[in-house]
Amino acid sequence: MTIIAGFSASGQGPAPLHLAAQLARCTGERIVAVAIVERQWPQNADPLEDEYLNYVGAQAQKSLKEMVDKLPGDLDVWRMVHQAESVPSGLTELAEEMNADVVVVGSSSSGLLGRIALGSVTDRLVHTAAVPVAIAPRGYPLQDSRIERLTVAYGGHVDEGGLVAAGAELARRWSATLRIASFTVRPVTMFSGAIETSAEDLVVQQWVRRTQEKIAAQLEAVRSGVDTLDAEVVIGAGATWRDAVEAIDWGSGDVLVLGSGAAGQVAQVFLGSAAARILRHSPVPTMIVPRREGL
């Protein structure tokens, strides 16, 4: 199987390759570093255009080589330049042709350093891909470690697409720790003393217990070799989505796993509104997985 690290020919930082290297250490899979050269489609018989695209491709190949040469020598990394109508369509085509496990891309250059922001390329890709899409935060550095923990963002009924099952299977395959996190934005009044603390605590405790029971039931149904007792369940609550995401601890070996929204097509990624809000505040690489057929 293959991990695709995608770049545009116009150039961007090595963050996707750095994340792909971490994933490859878990799976032992080949990494294909791909630069997509955009061209008019269908192709025109224009010698000048071909000459220009060949020049762009050669520069992209040079950039790829410089990035790959900085990776540890124990990784199996291939380089290629691919022409397509657009970067998202080119990566989608290659993912299908290579039977890729995941496509890794970088954050928009307009985002904050260390955070994730969707640009036009990544936004289209996460709404059309048929394979998981992993996004590296802007400026994501090369890590010495592998992926150590997967945090699945559980959202109740919107996770009927099999997100917990997918997260459990990934944790087993990658020999990573599994954590299930449920994020909630609580009204400011709940922090201001407008209601009795004991009453608030009781409501929260009941919600937490019900959420944990639902998660445990889904894990039990998965039967993927990941014991329900081995899956930590945490709650991230705050007055804003940023506060909720930052309410739980994050480490350098973490990956956040988000599910496709209920509006998405089966076996295709579609980023729902809650997932999009969580994504914007994620301090770690984030993987978005498609819904499963029949769920």
Protein backbone atom coordinates (compact mmCIF):
# COMPACT_ATOMS: atom_id res chain seq x y z
CA MET A 1 0.00 0.00 0.00
CA THR A 2 1.02 3.63 -0.40
CA ILE A 3 1.02 6.94 1.42
CA ILE A 4 0.76 9.89 -0.98
CA ALA A 5 2.30 13.19 0.10
CA GLY A 6 0.81 15.81 -2.22
CA PHE A 7 2.23 19.14 -3.32
CA SER A 8 1.40 21.75 -5.91
CA ALA A 9 4.06 22.51 -8.50
CA SER A 10 4.02 26.15 -7.39
CA GLY A 11 5.84 25.04 -4.29
CA GLN A 12 5.11 24.73 -0.59
CA GLY A 13 6.88 23.62 2.57
CA PRO A 14 7.79 20.03 3.44
CA ALA A 15 5.13 19.61 6.16
CA PRO A 16 3.14 16.93 4.24
CA LEU A 17 6.30 14.88 3.76
CA HIS A 18 7.17 15.19 7.45
CA LEU A 19 3.75 13.85 8.45
CA ALA A 20 3.91 11.10 5.82
CA ALA A 21 7.23 9.99 7.31
CA GLN A 22 5.61 9.63 10.73
CA LEU A 23 2.79 7.57 9.24
CA ALA A 24 5.23 5.38 7.32
CA ARG A 25 7.08 4.53 10.53
CA CYS A 26 3.83 3.02 11.81
CA THR A 27 2.93 1.08 8.68
CA GLY A 28 6.20 0.43 6.86
CA GLU A 29 4.49 1.62 3.70
CA ARG A 30 6.02 3.37 0.73
CA ILE A 31 5.73 7.14 0.50
CA VAL A 32 5.12 8.71 -2.89
CA ALA A 33 5.94 12.43 -2.89
CA VAL A 34 3.88 13.91 -5.73
CA ALA A 35 3.97 17.37 -7.25
CA ILE A 36 0.90 18.13 -9.34
CA VAL A 37 1.43 20.28 -12.44
CA GLU A 38 -1.86 21.83 -13.51
CA ARG A 39 -2.60 21.95 -17.20
CA GLN A 40 -5.55 22.47 -19.47
CA TRP A 41 -7.62 19.31 -19.89
CA PRO A 42 -8.06 17.69 -22.34
CA GLN A 43 -4.54 18.42 -23.48
CA ASN A 44 -3.89 20.70 -26.42
CA ALA A 45 -1.25 19.98 -29.05
CA ASP A 46 0.68 23.13 -28.20
CA PRO A 47 4.50 22.77 -28.27
CA LEU A 48 5.01 25.99 -26.31
CA GLU A 49 2.67 24.86 -23.56
CA ASP A 50 4.38 21.47 -23.43
CA GLU A 51 7.77 23.13 -23.15
CA TYR A 52 6.58 25.35 -20.32
CA LEU A 53 4.96 22.46 -18.44
CA ASN A 54 8.11 20.37 -18.84
CA TYR A 55 10.11 23.22 -17.33
CA VAL A 56 7.66 23.52 -14.41
CA GLY A 57 7.80 19.76 -13.93
CA ALA A 58 11.60 19.75 -13.85
CA GLN A 59 11.62 22.48 -11.19
CA ALA A 60 9.04 20.57 -9.17
CA GLN A 61 11.12 17.40 -9.40
CA LYS A 62 14.13 19.34 -8.13
CA SER A 63 12.15 20.67 -5.18
CA LEU A 64 10.89 17.19 -4.34
CA LYS A 65 14.43 15.81 -4.39
CA GLU A 66 15.64 18.52 -2.01
CA MET A 67 12.86 17.69 0.46
CA VAL A 68 13.24 13.93 0.18
CA ASP A 69 17.00 14.11 0.63
CA LYS A 70 16.47 15.61 4.08
CA LEU A 71 14.44 12.62 5.27
CA PRO A 72 16.00 9.72 7.20
CA GLY A 73 17.44 7.09 4.91
CA ASP A 74 15.38 4.23 6.36
CA LEU A 75 12.19 5.38 4.61
CA ASP A 76 11.04 4.12 1.22
CA VAL A 77 10.25 7.33 -0.66
CA TRP A 78 9.48 7.72 -4.36
CA ARG A 79 9.21 11.01 -6.23
CA MET A 80 6.98 11.83 -9.15
CA VAL A 81 5.47 14.73 -11.06
CA HIS A 82 1.95 14.30 -12.38
CA GLN A 83 -0.02 16.49 -14.75
CA ALA A 84 -3.72 16.99 -14.05
CA GLU A 85 -6.51 19.49 -14.44
CA SER A 86 -6.15 20.51 -10.79
CA VAL A 87 -4.22 19.49 -7.70
CA PRO A 88 -7.24 17.83 -5.99
CA SER A 89 -8.22 15.87 -9.11
CA GLY A 90 -4.61 14.79 -9.68
CA LEU A 91 -4.21 13.52 -6.12
CA THR A 92 -7.57 11.77 -6.31
CA GLU A 93 -6.59 10.03 -9.55
CA LEU A 94 -3.28 8.84 -8.13
CA ALA A 95 -4.85 7.67 -4.89
CA GLU A 96 -7.16 5.41 -6.88
CA GLU A 97 -4.47 4.18 -9.25
CA MET A 98 -2.02 3.39 -6.46
CA ASN A 99 -4.61 2.02 -4.07
CA ALA A 100 -3.33 4.53 -1.52
CA ASP A 101 -4.19 4.23 2.15
CA VAL A 102 -4.07 7.95 2.78
CA VAL A 103 -3.35 11.24 1.04
CA VAL A 104 -1.30 13.73 3.07
CA VAL A 105 -1.43 17.44 2.31
CA GLY A 106 -0.36 20.66 4.01
CA SER A 107 -2.25 23.51 5.56
CA SER A 108 -2.91 26.75 3.71
CA SER A 109 -0.08 29.27 3.94
CA SER A 110 -2.65 31.78 5.22
CA GLY A 111 -3.14 29.78 8.42
CA LEU A 112 -1.42 30.26 11.74
CA LEU A 113 1.89 28.53 12.33
CA GLY A 114 1.26 25.18 13.99
CA ARG A 115 -2.45 25.19 13.09
CA ILE A 116 -4.55 23.93 10.21
CA ALA A 117 -6.32 26.12 7.68
CA LEU A 118 -8.04 24.87 4.56
CA GLY A 119 -7.07 26.54 1.31
CA SER A 120 -8.85 26.04 -2.00
CA VAL A 121 -6.94 22.82 -2.72
CA THR A 122 -7.35 21.15 0.66
CA ASP A 123 -10.96 22.28 1.00
CA ARG A 124 -11.92 20.62 -2.27
CA LEU A 125 -9.89 17.51 -1.50
CA VAL A 126 -11.47 16.90 1.91
CA HIS A 127 -14.91 17.14 0.33
CA THR A 128 -14.27 14.79 -2.59
CA ALA A 129 -11.69 12.18 -1.58
CA ALA A 130 -12.61 8.51 -1.34
CA VAL A 131 -9.64 7.76 0.94
CA PRO A 132 -8.61 9.30 4.27
CA VAL A 133 -7.01 12.73 3.98
CA ALA A 134 -4.38 13.75 6.54
CA ILE A 135 -3.54 17.44 6.94
CA ALA A 136 -0.27 18.63 8.46
CA PRO A 137 -0.35 21.87 10.45
CA ARG A 138 1.46 24.78 8.86
CA GLY A 139 5.21 24.49 9.44
CA TYR A 140 4.92 20.95 10.81
CA PRO A 141 8.51 19.87 11.62
CA LEU A 142 10.25 16.59 10.94
CA GLN A 143 9.66 14.27 13.91
CA ASP A 144 11.93 11.58 15.29
CA SER A 145 8.95 9.62 16.60
CA ARG A 146 6.11 7.68 15.05
CA ILE A 147 2.39 8.28 15.55
CA GLU A 148 1.71 7.20 19.12
CA ARG A 149 -1.92 8.11 19.78
CA LEU A 150 -5.08 8.53 17.73
CA THR A 151 -7.78 10.78 19.14
CA VAL A 152 -11.13 10.12 17.53
CA ALA A 153 -13.53 13.05 17.75
CA TYR A 154 -16.85 11.43 18.65
CA GLY A 155 -20.00 13.33 17.82
CA GLY A 156 -22.86 11.03 18.74
CA HIS A 157 -25.45 10.42 16.01
CA VAL A 158 -23.25 12.06 13.36
CA ASP A 159 -20.77 9.19 13.80
CA GLU A 160 -23.13 6.63 12.34
CA GLY A 161 -20.65 6.49 9.45
CA GLY A 162 -18.32 4.21 11.40
CA LEU A 163 -15.76 6.68 12.73
CA VAL A 164 -15.12 4.81 15.99
CA ALA A 165 -14.66 1.56 14.08
CA ALA A 166 -12.26 3.23 11.64
CA GLY A 167 -10.26 4.76 14.50
CA ALA A 168 -10.05 1.43 16.31
CA GLU A 169 -8.79 -0.33 13.19
CA LEU A 170 -6.18 2.36 12.55
CA ALA A 171 -4.98 2.16 16.15
CA ARG A 172 -4.56 -1.59 15.83
CA ARG A 173 -2.72 -1.39 12.50
CA TRP A 174 -0.43 1.40 13.67
CA SER A 175 0.12 -0.03 17.17
CA ALA A 176 -1.05 3.31 18.51
CA THR A 177 -3.02 4.20 21.63
CA LEU A 178 -6.70 4.90 21.01
CA ARG A 179 -8.46 7.83 22.64
CA ILE A 180 -12.06 8.92 22.07
CA ALA A 181 -12.78 12.59 22.64
CA SER A 182 -16.16 14.27 22.67
CA PHE A 183 -16.06 18.04 22.30
CA THR A 184 -18.84 20.29 23.46
CA VAL A 185 -19.34 24.05 23.62
CA ARG A 186 -21.14 24.93 26.83
CA PRO A 187 -22.94 28.27 27.19
CA VAL A 188 -21.04 30.99 29.03
CA THR A 189 -23.81 31.08 31.64
CA MET A 190 -22.79 27.61 32.74
CA PHE A 191 -19.45 29.08 33.87
CA SER A 192 -20.83 32.26 35.40
CA GLY A 193 -22.71 30.83 38.35
CA ALA A 194 -26.13 31.54 36.84
CA ILE A 195 -27.21 28.04 37.88
CA GLU A 196 -26.26 25.96 40.88
CA THR A 197 -22.89 24.27 40.50
CA SER A 198 -24.25 21.00 41.83
CA ALA A 199 -27.05 20.99 39.27
CA GLU A 200 -24.60 21.81 36.47
CA ASP A 201 -22.23 19.07 37.59
CA LEU A 202 -25.07 16.55 37.67
CA VAL A 203 -26.14 17.39 34.11
CA VAL A 204 -22.54 17.20 32.85
CA GLN A 205 -21.88 13.93 34.67
CA GLN A 206 -25.01 12.35 33.21
CA TRP A 207 -24.07 13.51 29.71
CA VAL A 208 -20.50 12.24 30.13
CA ARG A 209 -21.73 8.85 31.38
CA ARG A 210 -24.19 8.49 28.50
CA THR A 211 -21.51 9.47 25.98
CA GLN A 212 -19.06 6.96 27.46
CA GLU A 213 -21.68 4.21 27.31
CA LYS A 214 -22.38 4.93 23.64
CA ILE A 215 -18.68 4.93 22.81
CA ALA A 216 -18.14 1.67 24.72
CA ALA A 217 -21.03 0.08 22.83
CA GLN A 218 -19.56 1.09 19.47
CA LEU A 219 -16.12 -0.20 20.41
CA GLU A 220 -17.60 -3.48 21.60
CA ALA A 221 -19.40 -3.86 18.28
CA VAL A 222 -16.22 -3.24 16.31
CA ARG A 223 -14.51 -6.41 17.61
CA SER A 224 -11.26 -5.20 16.05
CA GLY A 225 -8.92 -6.40 18.75
CA VAL A 226 -8.97 -3.06 20.58
CA ASP A 227 -10.37 -3.69 24.04
CA THR A 228 -12.85 -1.08 25.20
CA LEU A 229 -10.90 -0.73 28.45
CA ASP A 230 -7.81 0.26 26.46
CA ALA A 231 -9.57 3.19 24.83
CA GLU A 232 -9.40 6.31 26.96
CA VAL A 233 -12.49 8.52 26.82
CA VAL A 234 -12.07 12.25 27.44
CA ILE A 235 -14.38 15.25 27.29
CA GLY A 236 -13.30 18.63 25.94
CA ALA A 237 -15.68 21.36 27.09
CA GLY A 238 -15.37 25.10 26.81
CA ALA A 239 -17.09 28.35 26.01
CA THR A 240 -15.74 28.21 22.42
CA TRP A 241 -14.60 25.45 20.09
CA ARG A 242 -11.01 26.53 20.66
CA ASP A 243 -11.45 26.23 24.42
CA ALA A 244 -13.06 22.81 24.00
CA VAL A 245 -10.24 21.47 21.82
CA GLU A 246 -7.57 22.87 24.14
CA ALA A 247 -9.30 21.42 27.20
CA ILE A 248 -7.64 18.05 26.62
CA ASP A 249 -3.92 17.35 26.43
CA TRP A 250 -2.08 16.98 23.13
CA GLY A 251 1.37 15.54 22.42
CA SER A 252 3.87 15.46 19.57
CA GLY A 253 2.84 11.94 18.55
CA ASP A 254 -0.89 12.68 18.36
CA VAL A 255 -3.21 12.64 15.37
CA LEU A 256 -6.80 13.84 15.57
CA VAL A 257 -9.28 11.74 13.57
CA LEU A 258 -12.43 13.41 12.26
CA GLY A 259 -15.34 11.75 10.50
CA SER A 260 -17.18 12.69 7.38
CA GLY A 261 -20.39 14.61 8.00
CA ALA A 262 -23.79 12.97 7.67
CA ALA A 263 -24.43 14.97 4.49
CA GLY A 264 -21.50 13.34 2.73
CA GLN A 265 -21.83 10.54 0.24
CA VAL A 266 -20.99 7.00 1.30
CA ALA A 267 -17.26 6.17 0.90
CA GLN A 268 -16.46 9.83 0.39
CA VAL A 269 -15.10 12.52 2.68
CA PHE A 270 -17.40 15.39 3.54
CA LEU A 271 -16.39 17.76 6.32
CA GLY A 272 -19.37 18.63 8.51
CA SER A 273 -19.77 21.94 10.33
CA ALA A 274 -18.72 20.70 13.79
CA ALA A 275 -15.73 18.85 12.35
CA ALA A 276 -14.69 21.97 10.44
CA ARG A 277 -14.72 24.02 13.64
CA ILE A 278 -12.67 21.42 15.50
CA LEU A 279 -10.23 21.19 12.59
CA ARG A 280 -9.49 24.93 12.67
CA HIS A 281 -8.33 24.68 16.27
CA SER A 282 -6.47 21.38 16.15
CA PRO A 283 -2.87 21.74 17.36
CA VAL A 284 -1.89 18.37 15.86
CA PRO A 285 -2.11 16.68 12.43
CA THR A 286 -5.67 15.75 11.56
CA MET A 287 -7.02 12.90 9.47
CA ILE A 288 -10.48 12.96 7.94
CA VAL A 289 -11.97 9.58 7.08
CA PRO A 290 -14.84 8.80 4.68
CA ARG A 291 -18.12 7.28 5.73
CA ARG A 292 -18.46 3.55 5.37
CA GLU A 293 -20.87 1.81 3.06
CA GLY A 294 -23.99 0.61 4.75
CA LEU A 295 -23.57 2.88 7.77
